[in-house]
């Protein structure tokens, strides 16, 4: 049975947005609140939010407001490495739990993804054990990304600058999971992205 840890990467500084983007309104809550509920609705049992260092910042304040317990949040251990620092933090968290079979990397700024897309990623590890599973739309890889536990020890100490660089070292293990959700290629960085992603929800299929 597959038991993944969902790591929601939320340590970005939202510079291009000009406002803490994960606290922006989405579906009656915030982007972060929506993501957490959506993953739960998809069937996720173990979720952790990777945030920037410090006890008080926009993300930790939103986590407090949402009532997310300490065990479901962790500060990135390598903020100087950007997104890769958050990925390594998630990998080390995964390594602490022997019950886990996969690590799913989810971006904190993709609230527009369909719930069935998340559900598909959750179950992909069971159907393709030992594989790096990329969520792909029309041949283009996006997120979420599923990593097998067999690579976690290496990932915790990798010198690779990006996750793409790390995956390129294991190209023979890559399995592309084609989906019909073009949102896997979109993340929210600017007000224009936010507007575009918001419009997508009108046509979202649950």
N, C-alpha and C. Protein backbone atom coordinates (compact mmCIF):
# COMPACT_ATOMS: atom_id res chain seq x y z
N UNK A 1 0.84 -1.21 0.00
CA UNK A 1 0.00 0.00 0.00
C UNK A 1 0.87 1.25 0.00
N UNK A 2 0.51 2.20 -0.84
CA UNK A 2 1.27 3.44 -0.95
C UNK A 2 0.91 4.41 0.18
N UNK A 3 1.92 4.99 0.80
CA UNK A 3 1.70 5.97 1.86
C UNK A 3 2.60 7.18 1.61
N UNK A 4 2.12 8.17 0.89
CA UNK A 4 2.95 9.33 0.57
C UNK A 4 2.85 10.45 1.62
N UNK A 5 3.89 11.24 1.67
CA UNK A 5 3.86 12.51 2.40
C UNK A 5 3.69 13.62 1.37
N UNK A 6 2.69 14.46 1.57
CA UNK A 6 2.48 15.61 0.69
C UNK A 6 3.24 16.79 1.29
N UNK A 7 4.21 17.31 0.56
CA UNK A 7 4.96 18.49 1.01
C UNK A 7 4.52 19.69 0.18
N UNK A 8 3.84 20.62 0.82
CA UNK A 8 3.40 21.84 0.14
C UNK A 8 4.48 22.90 0.34
N UNK A 9 5.11 23.30 -0.75
CA UNK A 9 6.20 24.26 -0.69
C UNK A 9 5.63 25.67 -0.57
N UNK A 10 5.92 26.32 0.55
CA UNK A 10 5.31 27.63 0.84
C UNK A 10 6.33 28.60 1.42
N UNK A 11 7.59 28.47 1.01
CA UNK A 11 8.65 29.31 1.58
C UNK A 11 9.04 30.49 0.68
N UNK A 12 8.33 30.66 -0.44
CA UNK A 12 8.65 31.77 -1.34
C UNK A 12 8.34 33.13 -0.75
N UNK A 13 8.96 34.15 -1.31
CA UNK A 13 8.81 35.51 -0.76
C UNK A 13 7.73 36.33 -1.46
N UNK A 14 7.13 35.81 -2.50
CA UNK A 14 6.02 36.50 -3.20
C UNK A 14 6.43 37.88 -3.71
N UNK A 15 7.66 38.02 -4.14
CA UNK A 15 8.14 39.34 -4.57
C UNK A 15 7.38 39.88 -5.77
N UNK A 16 7.15 39.03 -6.76
CA UNK A 16 6.47 39.51 -7.98
C UNK A 16 4.99 39.75 -7.74
N UNK A 17 4.42 39.07 -6.76
CA UNK A 17 3.01 39.29 -6.46
C UNK A 17 2.81 40.61 -5.72
N UNK A 18 3.79 40.97 -4.87
CA UNK A 18 3.68 42.19 -4.09
C UNK A 18 2.81 42.04 -2.86
N UNK A 19 2.43 40.81 -2.57
CA UNK A 19 1.56 40.50 -1.41
C UNK A 19 1.77 39.03 -1.10
N UNK A 20 1.75 38.62 0.17
CA UNK A 20 1.90 37.19 0.49
C UNK A 20 0.83 36.36 -0.23
N UNK A 21 1.24 35.64 -1.27
CA UNK A 21 0.23 35.05 -2.16
C UNK A 21 -0.55 33.90 -1.54
N UNK A 22 0.05 33.18 -0.59
CA UNK A 22 -0.68 32.04 -0.03
C UNK A 22 -1.80 32.46 0.91
N UNK A 23 -1.81 33.73 1.29
CA UNK A 23 -2.92 34.23 2.12
C UNK A 23 -3.97 34.94 1.27
N UNK A 24 -3.79 34.98 -0.04
CA UNK A 24 -4.80 35.56 -0.92
C UNK A 24 -6.09 34.74 -0.87
N UNK A 25 -7.20 35.39 -1.12
CA UNK A 25 -8.50 34.73 -1.06
C UNK A 25 -8.65 33.68 -2.15
N UNK A 26 -9.26 32.53 -1.75
CA UNK A 26 -9.53 31.46 -2.73
C UNK A 26 -10.65 30.57 -2.20
N UNK A 27 -11.76 30.54 -2.88
CA UNK A 27 -12.83 29.61 -2.55
C UNK A 27 -13.37 29.71 -1.14
N UNK A 28 -13.50 30.90 -0.61
CA UNK A 28 -14.03 31.07 0.74
C UNK A 28 -13.00 30.96 1.83
N UNK A 29 -11.74 30.71 1.47
CA UNK A 29 -10.65 30.69 2.44
C UNK A 29 -9.43 31.31 1.75
N UNK A 30 -8.25 30.94 2.18
CA UNK A 30 -7.04 31.43 1.52
C UNK A 30 -6.53 30.38 0.54
N UNK A 31 -5.56 30.74 -0.28
CA UNK A 31 -4.94 29.77 -1.18
C UNK A 31 -4.40 28.59 -0.37
N UNK A 32 -3.71 28.88 0.72
CA UNK A 32 -3.13 27.82 1.54
C UNK A 32 -4.23 26.96 2.18
N UNK A 33 -5.25 27.60 2.70
CA UNK A 33 -6.35 26.86 3.29
C UNK A 33 -7.04 25.96 2.28
N UNK A 34 -7.23 26.47 1.07
CA UNK A 34 -7.85 25.69 0.01
C UNK A 34 -7.00 24.48 -0.33
N UNK A 35 -5.69 24.68 -0.47
CA UNK A 35 -4.80 23.58 -0.82
C UNK A 35 -4.83 22.46 0.21
N UNK A 36 -4.76 22.84 1.48
CA UNK A 36 -4.77 21.85 2.55
C UNK A 36 -6.07 21.04 2.52
N UNK A 37 -7.20 21.71 2.35
CA UNK A 37 -8.47 21.00 2.32
C UNK A 37 -8.60 20.15 1.06
N UNK A 38 -8.08 20.66 -0.04
CA UNK A 38 -8.19 19.93 -1.30
C UNK A 38 -7.39 18.62 -1.26
N UNK A 39 -6.19 18.68 -0.69
CA UNK A 39 -5.40 17.45 -0.57
C UNK A 39 -6.09 16.45 0.37
N UNK A 40 -6.68 16.96 1.44
CA UNK A 40 -7.42 16.07 2.34
C UNK A 40 -8.60 15.43 1.61
N UNK A 41 -9.32 16.25 0.84
CA UNK A 41 -10.46 15.74 0.08
C UNK A 41 -10.02 14.68 -0.93
N UNK A 42 -8.80 14.83 -1.44
CA UNK A 42 -8.27 13.87 -2.41
C UNK A 42 -7.86 12.56 -1.75
N UNK A 43 -7.72 12.59 -0.42
CA UNK A 43 -7.38 11.37 0.30
C UNK A 43 -6.05 11.37 1.00
N UNK A 44 -5.35 12.50 1.00
CA UNK A 44 -4.04 12.57 1.66
C UNK A 44 -4.19 12.44 3.17
N UNK A 45 -3.34 11.64 3.77
CA UNK A 45 -3.36 11.44 5.21
C UNK A 45 -2.23 12.18 5.92
N UNK A 46 -1.11 12.37 5.22
CA UNK A 46 0.04 13.03 5.83
C UNK A 46 0.47 14.21 4.96
N UNK A 47 0.41 15.40 5.54
CA UNK A 47 0.73 16.64 4.82
C UNK A 47 1.66 17.47 5.69
N UNK A 48 2.65 18.11 5.06
CA UNK A 48 3.50 19.05 5.78
C UNK A 48 3.66 20.29 4.90
N UNK A 49 3.61 21.46 5.53
CA UNK A 49 3.82 22.73 4.83
C UNK A 49 5.24 23.21 5.13
N UNK A 50 6.02 23.42 4.09
CA UNK A 50 7.39 23.92 4.24
C UNK A 50 7.35 25.44 4.10
N UNK A 51 7.71 26.15 5.18
CA UNK A 51 7.64 27.61 5.16
C UNK A 51 9.02 28.22 5.40
N UNK A 52 9.11 29.51 5.25
CA UNK A 52 10.39 30.20 5.46
C UNK A 52 10.71 30.26 6.95
N UNK A 53 11.99 30.49 7.30
CA UNK A 53 12.38 30.50 8.72
C UNK A 53 11.68 31.61 9.51
N UNK A 54 11.61 31.41 10.80
CA UNK A 54 10.99 32.40 11.67
C UNK A 54 9.64 31.94 12.16
N UNK A 55 9.37 32.22 13.42
CA UNK A 55 8.10 31.80 14.00
C UNK A 55 6.93 32.63 13.49
N UNK A 56 7.21 33.89 13.12
CA UNK A 56 6.13 34.75 12.65
C UNK A 56 6.46 35.32 11.27
N UNK A 57 5.74 34.86 10.29
CA UNK A 57 5.80 35.40 8.94
C UNK A 57 4.41 35.16 8.33
N UNK A 58 4.13 35.68 7.15
CA UNK A 58 2.78 35.55 6.61
C UNK A 58 2.26 34.12 6.53
N UNK A 59 3.12 33.18 6.19
CA UNK A 59 2.66 31.79 6.07
C UNK A 59 2.38 31.18 7.44
N UNK A 60 3.28 31.38 8.40
CA UNK A 60 3.03 30.81 9.73
C UNK A 60 1.81 31.46 10.38
N UNK A 61 1.60 32.75 10.11
CA UNK A 61 0.40 33.40 10.64
C UNK A 61 -0.86 32.80 10.04
N UNK A 62 -0.80 32.48 8.74
CA UNK A 62 -1.96 31.86 8.09
C UNK A 62 -2.15 30.43 8.60
N UNK A 63 -1.07 29.72 8.84
CA UNK A 63 -1.16 28.37 9.41
C UNK A 63 -1.80 28.42 10.80
N UNK A 64 -1.41 29.44 11.58
CA UNK A 64 -2.03 29.62 12.90
C UNK A 64 -3.53 29.86 12.76
N UNK A 65 -3.90 30.72 11.82
CA UNK A 65 -5.31 31.05 11.63
C UNK A 65 -6.10 29.82 11.21
N UNK A 66 -5.47 28.96 10.42
CA UNK A 66 -6.13 27.76 9.92
C UNK A 66 -6.12 26.62 10.95
N UNK A 67 -5.37 26.82 12.03
CA UNK A 67 -5.31 25.80 13.07
C UNK A 67 -4.45 24.60 12.70
N UNK A 68 -3.45 24.81 11.85
CA UNK A 68 -2.56 23.73 11.44
C UNK A 68 -1.56 23.45 12.56
N UNK A 69 -1.49 22.23 13.07
CA UNK A 69 -0.64 21.91 14.22
C UNK A 69 0.85 21.93 13.86
N UNK A 70 1.71 22.05 14.89
CA UNK A 70 3.16 22.10 14.67
C UNK A 70 3.70 20.91 13.88
N UNK A 71 3.11 19.73 14.04
CA UNK A 71 3.59 18.55 13.35
C UNK A 71 3.35 18.54 11.86
N UNK A 72 2.57 19.51 11.37
CA UNK A 72 2.26 19.58 9.95
C UNK A 72 2.88 20.81 9.29
N UNK A 73 3.90 21.35 9.92
CA UNK A 73 4.61 22.51 9.37
C UNK A 73 6.06 22.43 9.76
N UNK A 74 6.94 22.92 8.90
CA UNK A 74 8.37 22.91 9.21
C UNK A 74 9.05 24.01 8.39
N UNK A 75 10.01 24.70 9.02
CA UNK A 75 10.76 25.75 8.33
C UNK A 75 11.84 25.13 7.45
N UNK A 76 12.05 25.69 6.28
CA UNK A 76 13.11 25.21 5.41
C UNK A 76 14.46 25.30 6.11
N UNK A 77 15.26 24.27 5.95
CA UNK A 77 16.57 24.24 6.60
C UNK A 77 17.64 24.90 5.74
N UNK A 78 17.31 25.22 4.50
CA UNK A 78 18.30 25.81 3.59
C UNK A 78 17.64 26.89 2.74
N UNK A 79 17.22 28.00 3.37
CA UNK A 79 16.53 29.03 2.61
C UNK A 79 17.38 29.64 1.49
N UNK A 80 18.70 29.59 1.66
CA UNK A 80 19.59 30.15 0.65
C UNK A 80 19.56 29.36 -0.65
N UNK A 81 19.01 28.14 -0.62
CA UNK A 81 18.92 27.30 -1.82
C UNK A 81 17.56 27.39 -2.49
N UNK A 82 16.73 28.31 -2.02
CA UNK A 82 15.44 28.53 -2.66
C UNK A 82 14.54 27.32 -2.61
N UNK A 83 13.89 27.03 -3.73
CA UNK A 83 12.95 25.91 -3.79
C UNK A 83 13.64 24.59 -3.45
N UNK A 84 14.89 24.43 -3.89
CA UNK A 84 15.59 23.18 -3.62
C UNK A 84 15.81 22.98 -2.13
N UNK A 85 16.00 24.07 -1.40
CA UNK A 85 16.13 23.97 0.05
C UNK A 85 14.87 23.43 0.69
N UNK A 86 13.72 23.83 0.16
CA UNK A 86 12.45 23.32 0.67
C UNK A 86 12.27 21.85 0.32
N UNK A 87 12.70 21.45 -0.87
CA UNK A 87 12.61 20.06 -1.29
C UNK A 87 13.48 19.18 -0.39
N UNK A 88 14.68 19.63 -0.09
CA UNK A 88 15.58 18.87 0.78
C UNK A 88 14.99 18.77 2.18
N UNK A 89 14.40 19.85 2.64
CA UNK A 89 13.73 19.83 3.96
C UNK A 89 12.63 18.79 3.97
N UNK A 90 11.83 18.74 2.91
CA UNK A 90 10.76 17.75 2.80
C UNK A 90 11.31 16.33 2.77
N UNK A 91 12.44 16.16 2.08
CA UNK A 91 13.05 14.83 2.00
C UNK A 91 13.53 14.38 3.38
N UNK A 92 14.11 15.27 4.14
CA UNK A 92 14.58 14.89 5.48
C UNK A 92 13.41 14.57 6.40
N UNK A 93 12.32 15.28 6.22
CA UNK A 93 11.11 14.98 6.99
C UNK A 93 10.59 13.58 6.63
N UNK A 94 10.64 13.26 5.35
CA UNK A 94 10.20 11.95 4.88
C UNK A 94 11.06 10.84 5.45
N UNK A 95 12.37 11.08 5.50
CA UNK A 95 13.31 10.06 5.98
C UNK A 95 13.07 9.68 7.44
N UNK A 96 12.41 10.55 8.20
CA UNK A 96 12.14 10.29 9.62
C UNK A 96 10.98 9.33 9.84
N UNK A 97 10.20 9.05 8.80
CA UNK A 97 8.99 8.24 8.95
C UNK A 97 9.11 6.98 8.09
N UNK A 98 9.37 5.85 8.71
CA UNK A 98 9.59 4.60 7.98
C UNK A 98 8.33 4.06 7.31
N UNK A 99 7.17 4.61 7.64
CA UNK A 99 5.93 4.13 7.03
C UNK A 99 5.69 4.72 5.64
N UNK A 100 6.45 5.75 5.29
CA UNK A 100 6.22 6.45 4.02
C UNK A 100 6.85 5.71 2.85
N UNK A 101 6.16 5.73 1.73
CA UNK A 101 6.65 5.09 0.51
C UNK A 101 7.02 6.10 -0.57
N UNK A 102 6.49 7.31 -0.47
CA UNK A 102 6.72 8.33 -1.48
C UNK A 102 6.70 9.72 -0.85
N UNK A 103 7.30 10.65 -1.55
CA UNK A 103 7.21 12.07 -1.23
C UNK A 103 6.59 12.76 -2.44
N UNK A 104 5.51 13.49 -2.20
CA UNK A 104 4.88 14.25 -3.28
C UNK A 104 5.19 15.73 -3.08
N UNK A 105 5.85 16.31 -4.05
CA UNK A 105 6.18 17.74 -4.02
C UNK A 105 5.04 18.50 -4.67
N UNK A 106 4.39 19.35 -3.87
CA UNK A 106 3.26 20.16 -4.35
C UNK A 106 3.60 21.63 -4.17
N UNK A 107 3.34 22.43 -5.17
CA UNK A 107 3.61 23.86 -5.08
C UNK A 107 2.51 24.55 -4.30
N UNK A 108 2.90 25.50 -3.47
CA UNK A 108 1.93 26.22 -2.66
C UNK A 108 1.08 27.21 -3.43
N UNK A 109 1.42 27.41 -4.69
CA UNK A 109 0.67 28.39 -5.48
C UNK A 109 -0.03 27.74 -6.68
N UNK A 110 -0.60 26.55 -6.44
CA UNK A 110 -1.39 25.89 -7.48
C UNK A 110 -2.78 25.50 -6.97
N UNK A 111 -3.54 26.45 -6.43
CA UNK A 111 -4.87 26.11 -5.92
C UNK A 111 -5.87 25.81 -7.02
N UNK A 112 -5.50 26.11 -8.26
CA UNK A 112 -6.38 25.92 -9.40
C UNK A 112 -6.40 24.48 -9.91
N UNK A 113 -5.51 23.62 -9.40
CA UNK A 113 -5.50 22.23 -9.86
C UNK A 113 -6.81 21.53 -9.52
N UNK A 114 -7.22 20.63 -10.38
CA UNK A 114 -8.43 19.86 -10.12
C UNK A 114 -8.16 18.82 -9.04
N UNK A 115 -9.15 18.54 -8.24
CA UNK A 115 -8.98 17.55 -7.17
C UNK A 115 -8.67 16.18 -7.74
N UNK A 116 -9.21 15.85 -8.89
CA UNK A 116 -8.91 14.54 -9.48
C UNK A 116 -7.46 14.45 -9.92
N UNK A 117 -6.82 15.58 -10.21
CA UNK A 117 -5.40 15.59 -10.54
C UNK A 117 -4.57 15.23 -9.31
N UNK A 118 -4.95 15.80 -8.16
CA UNK A 118 -4.25 15.48 -6.91
C UNK A 118 -4.48 14.01 -6.55
N UNK A 119 -5.69 13.55 -6.73
CA UNK A 119 -6.02 12.15 -6.42
C UNK A 119 -5.20 11.20 -7.30
N UNK A 120 -5.02 11.57 -8.56
CA UNK A 120 -4.24 10.76 -9.48
C UNK A 120 -2.78 10.68 -9.03
N UNK A 121 -2.24 11.81 -8.58
CA UNK A 121 -0.85 11.82 -8.09
C UNK A 121 -0.71 10.97 -6.83
N UNK A 122 -1.72 11.03 -5.95
CA UNK A 122 -1.70 10.25 -4.72
C UNK A 122 -1.62 8.76 -5.00
N UNK A 123 -2.33 8.29 -6.00
CA UNK A 123 -2.40 6.86 -6.29
C UNK A 123 -1.34 6.40 -7.27
N UNK A 124 -0.62 7.33 -7.87
CA UNK A 124 0.35 6.97 -8.92
C UNK A 124 1.49 6.12 -8.37
N UNK A 125 1.91 6.42 -7.13
CA UNK A 125 3.03 5.68 -6.56
C UNK A 125 2.76 4.20 -6.44
N UNK A 126 1.53 3.82 -6.16
CA UNK A 126 1.18 2.41 -6.02
C UNK A 126 1.23 1.69 -7.36
N UNK A 127 0.90 2.39 -8.43
CA UNK A 127 0.88 1.77 -9.76
C UNK A 127 2.24 1.78 -10.44
N UNK A 128 3.14 2.64 -9.97
CA UNK A 128 4.48 2.71 -10.57
C UNK A 128 5.53 2.83 -9.46
N UNK A 129 5.65 1.78 -8.62
CA UNK A 129 6.60 1.83 -7.50
C UNK A 129 8.04 1.97 -7.97
N UNK A 130 8.80 2.77 -7.22
CA UNK A 130 10.20 2.96 -7.57
C UNK A 130 10.44 3.99 -8.65
N UNK A 131 9.36 4.58 -9.18
CA UNK A 131 9.49 5.55 -10.26
C UNK A 131 9.38 6.99 -9.77
N UNK A 132 10.06 7.89 -10.46
CA UNK A 132 9.84 9.33 -10.32
C UNK A 132 8.67 9.65 -11.25
N UNK A 133 7.57 10.09 -10.68
CA UNK A 133 6.37 10.29 -11.49
C UNK A 133 6.14 11.78 -11.73
N UNK A 134 6.28 12.17 -12.97
CA UNK A 134 6.04 13.57 -13.35
C UNK A 134 4.61 13.70 -13.88
N UNK A 135 3.91 14.69 -13.38
CA UNK A 135 2.57 15.00 -13.91
C UNK A 135 2.76 15.82 -15.18
N UNK A 136 2.22 15.32 -16.27
CA UNK A 136 2.51 15.89 -17.59
C UNK A 136 1.22 16.29 -18.30
N UNK A 137 1.27 17.45 -18.94
CA UNK A 137 0.16 17.90 -19.79
C UNK A 137 0.70 18.14 -21.19
N UNK A 138 0.20 17.41 -22.16
CA UNK A 138 0.62 17.51 -23.56
C UNK A 138 2.14 17.44 -23.68
N UNK A 139 2.73 16.51 -22.95
CA UNK A 139 4.16 16.26 -23.04
C UNK A 139 5.04 17.17 -22.21
N UNK A 140 4.43 18.13 -21.53
CA UNK A 140 5.21 19.08 -20.73
C UNK A 140 5.04 18.75 -19.24
N UNK A 141 6.16 18.55 -18.52
CA UNK A 141 6.07 18.19 -17.10
C UNK A 141 5.76 19.38 -16.21
N UNK A 142 4.95 19.13 -15.18
CA UNK A 142 4.62 20.16 -14.21
C UNK A 142 4.61 19.58 -12.81
N UNK A 143 3.72 20.07 -11.97
CA UNK A 143 3.58 19.58 -10.59
C UNK A 143 2.12 19.25 -10.32
N UNK A 144 1.89 18.29 -9.42
CA UNK A 144 2.75 17.66 -8.42
C UNK A 144 3.76 16.69 -9.05
N UNK A 145 4.79 16.38 -8.24
CA UNK A 145 5.84 15.44 -8.62
C UNK A 145 5.96 14.39 -7.52
N UNK A 146 6.01 13.12 -7.92
CA UNK A 146 6.05 12.03 -6.95
C UNK A 146 7.44 11.39 -6.96
N UNK A 147 8.06 11.31 -5.77
CA UNK A 147 9.40 10.73 -5.64
C UNK A 147 9.34 9.49 -4.77
N UNK A 148 9.98 8.39 -5.20
CA UNK A 148 9.95 7.17 -4.39
C UNK A 148 10.88 7.28 -3.19
N UNK A 149 10.56 6.56 -2.13
CA UNK A 149 11.37 6.64 -0.91
C UNK A 149 12.79 6.14 -1.13
N UNK A 150 13.01 5.33 -2.17
CA UNK A 150 14.35 4.82 -2.46
C UNK A 150 15.34 5.92 -2.82
N UNK A 151 14.85 7.08 -3.22
CA UNK A 151 15.72 8.21 -3.58
C UNK A 151 15.83 9.26 -2.48
N UNK A 152 15.11 9.07 -1.40
CA UNK A 152 15.03 10.12 -0.37
C UNK A 152 16.38 10.35 0.31
N UNK A 153 17.09 9.29 0.66
CA UNK A 153 18.38 9.46 1.34
C UNK A 153 19.34 10.28 0.48
N UNK A 154 19.37 10.00 -0.81
CA UNK A 154 20.23 10.76 -1.72
C UNK A 154 19.77 12.21 -1.83
N UNK A 155 18.46 12.39 -1.88
CA UNK A 155 17.92 13.74 -2.03
C UNK A 155 18.23 14.62 -0.82
N UNK A 156 18.31 14.02 0.36
CA UNK A 156 18.56 14.83 1.57
C UNK A 156 19.95 15.48 1.56
N UNK A 157 20.87 14.95 0.76
CA UNK A 157 22.24 15.47 0.74
C UNK A 157 22.70 15.89 -0.65
N UNK A 158 21.77 16.00 -1.59
CA UNK A 158 22.17 16.27 -2.97
C UNK A 158 22.77 17.67 -3.14
N UNK A 159 23.83 17.78 -3.95
CA UNK A 159 24.35 19.10 -4.29
C UNK A 159 23.64 19.71 -5.49
N UNK A 160 22.68 18.97 -6.07
CA UNK A 160 21.97 19.46 -7.26
C UNK A 160 21.33 20.81 -6.97
N UNK A 161 21.45 21.73 -7.92
CA UNK A 161 20.94 23.08 -7.72
C UNK A 161 19.42 23.15 -7.81
N UNK A 162 18.83 22.28 -8.61
CA UNK A 162 17.38 22.29 -8.80
C UNK A 162 16.85 20.86 -8.77
N UNK A 163 15.56 20.75 -8.59
CA UNK A 163 14.94 19.43 -8.63
C UNK A 163 15.05 18.83 -10.02
N UNK A 164 14.99 19.66 -11.03
CA UNK A 164 15.15 19.16 -12.40
C UNK A 164 16.53 18.55 -12.59
N UNK A 165 17.56 19.19 -12.02
CA UNK A 165 18.91 18.65 -12.10
C UNK A 165 19.00 17.29 -11.41
N UNK A 166 18.34 17.19 -10.24
CA UNK A 166 18.36 15.93 -9.51
C UNK A 166 17.68 14.83 -10.32
N UNK A 167 16.55 15.14 -10.89
CA UNK A 167 15.81 14.15 -11.67
C UNK A 167 16.61 13.70 -12.89
N UNK A 168 17.38 14.62 -13.48
CA UNK A 168 18.17 14.27 -14.66
C UNK A 168 19.22 13.20 -14.36
N UNK A 169 19.59 13.07 -13.08
CA UNK A 169 20.55 12.03 -12.68
C UNK A 169 19.90 10.66 -12.61
N UNK A 170 18.57 10.64 -12.67
CA UNK A 170 17.83 9.38 -12.55
C UNK A 170 16.80 9.26 -13.67
N UNK A 171 17.20 9.65 -14.86
CA UNK A 171 16.28 9.71 -15.98
C UNK A 171 15.65 8.36 -16.29
N UNK A 172 16.38 7.27 -16.00
CA UNK A 172 15.85 5.95 -16.29
C UNK A 172 14.68 5.56 -15.39
N UNK A 173 14.50 6.30 -14.30
CA UNK A 173 13.40 6.02 -13.37
C UNK A 173 12.18 6.90 -13.59
N UNK A 174 12.26 7.81 -14.54
CA UNK A 174 11.17 8.77 -14.75
C UNK A 174 10.00 8.12 -15.49
N UNK A 175 8.81 8.34 -14.94
CA UNK A 175 7.57 7.89 -15.57
C UNK A 175 6.67 9.11 -15.72
N UNK A 176 6.26 9.40 -16.94
CA UNK A 176 5.41 10.56 -17.20
C UNK A 176 3.94 10.15 -17.14
N UNK A 177 3.23 10.79 -16.22
CA UNK A 177 1.80 10.52 -16.01
C UNK A 177 1.01 11.60 -16.73
N UNK A 178 0.48 11.27 -17.88
CA UNK A 178 -0.25 12.24 -18.68
C UNK A 178 -1.61 12.54 -18.03
N UNK A 179 -1.95 13.83 -17.96
CA UNK A 179 -3.25 14.21 -17.42
C UNK A 179 -3.88 15.27 -18.32
N UNK A 180 -5.15 15.55 -18.07
CA UNK A 180 -5.89 16.51 -18.90
C UNK A 180 -5.98 17.89 -18.25
N UNK A 181 -5.25 18.08 -17.15
CA UNK A 181 -5.31 19.32 -16.38
C UNK A 181 -4.13 20.22 -16.75
N UNK A 182 -4.38 21.22 -17.59
CA UNK A 182 -3.31 22.12 -18.02
C UNK A 182 -2.76 22.95 -16.87
N UNK A 183 -3.50 23.00 -15.75
CA UNK A 183 -3.06 23.76 -14.59
C UNK A 183 -1.77 23.26 -13.98
N UNK A 184 -1.37 22.01 -14.28
CA UNK A 184 -0.13 21.49 -13.72
C UNK A 184 1.08 22.30 -14.19
N UNK A 185 0.91 23.04 -15.28
CA UNK A 185 2.00 23.85 -15.83
C UNK A 185 1.98 25.29 -15.32
N UNK A 186 0.93 25.66 -14.58
CA UNK A 186 0.76 27.05 -14.15
C UNK A 186 0.97 27.20 -12.65
N UNK A 187 1.78 28.16 -12.27
CA UNK A 187 1.83 28.54 -10.86
C UNK A 187 1.62 30.05 -10.77
N UNK A 188 1.25 30.51 -9.60
CA UNK A 188 0.84 31.91 -9.43
C UNK A 188 2.01 32.74 -8.90
N UNK A 189 2.54 33.59 -9.75
CA UNK A 189 3.64 34.46 -9.34
C UNK A 189 3.29 35.94 -9.36
N UNK A 190 2.34 36.31 -10.21
CA UNK A 190 2.01 37.72 -10.41
C UNK A 190 0.50 37.91 -10.27
N UNK A 191 0.04 39.17 -10.13
CA UNK A 191 -1.40 39.42 -10.10
C UNK A 191 -2.11 38.89 -11.34
N UNK A 192 -1.42 38.93 -12.49
CA UNK A 192 -2.01 38.42 -13.72
C UNK A 192 -2.20 36.91 -13.64
N UNK A 193 -1.20 36.22 -13.07
CA UNK A 193 -1.32 34.77 -12.88
C UNK A 193 -2.51 34.44 -11.96
N UNK A 194 -2.65 35.23 -10.91
CA UNK A 194 -3.73 35.02 -9.94
C UNK A 194 -5.09 35.16 -10.62
N UNK A 195 -5.21 36.18 -11.46
CA UNK A 195 -6.46 36.40 -12.18
C UNK A 195 -6.74 35.25 -13.15
N UNK A 196 -5.70 34.81 -13.85
CA UNK A 196 -5.87 33.71 -14.81
C UNK A 196 -6.26 32.42 -14.09
N UNK A 197 -5.59 32.13 -12.97
CA UNK A 197 -5.88 30.91 -12.22
C UNK A 197 -7.29 30.96 -11.63
N UNK A 198 -7.70 32.14 -11.18
CA UNK A 198 -9.04 32.29 -10.61
C UNK A 198 -10.11 31.99 -11.65
N UNK A 199 -9.88 32.43 -12.88
CA UNK A 199 -10.84 32.19 -13.96
C UNK A 199 -10.97 30.70 -14.27
N UNK A 200 -9.89 29.96 -14.07
CA UNK A 200 -9.91 28.53 -14.36
C UNK A 200 -10.91 27.77 -13.48
N UNK A 201 -11.11 28.26 -12.26
CA UNK A 201 -11.95 27.52 -11.31
C UNK A 201 -13.39 27.45 -11.78
N UNK A 202 -13.79 28.36 -12.64
CA UNK A 202 -15.16 28.34 -13.16
C UNK A 202 -15.43 27.05 -13.94
N UNK A 203 -14.33 26.52 -14.53
CA UNK A 203 -14.47 25.33 -15.38
C UNK A 203 -13.85 24.11 -14.72
N UNK A 204 -13.51 24.22 -13.44
CA UNK A 204 -12.82 23.11 -12.78
C UNK A 204 -13.74 21.91 -12.61
N UNK A 205 -13.19 20.73 -12.87
CA UNK A 205 -13.92 19.48 -12.71
C UNK A 205 -13.42 18.81 -11.43
N UNK A 206 -14.31 18.56 -10.48
CA UNK A 206 -13.95 17.89 -9.23
C UNK A 206 -14.15 16.39 -9.38
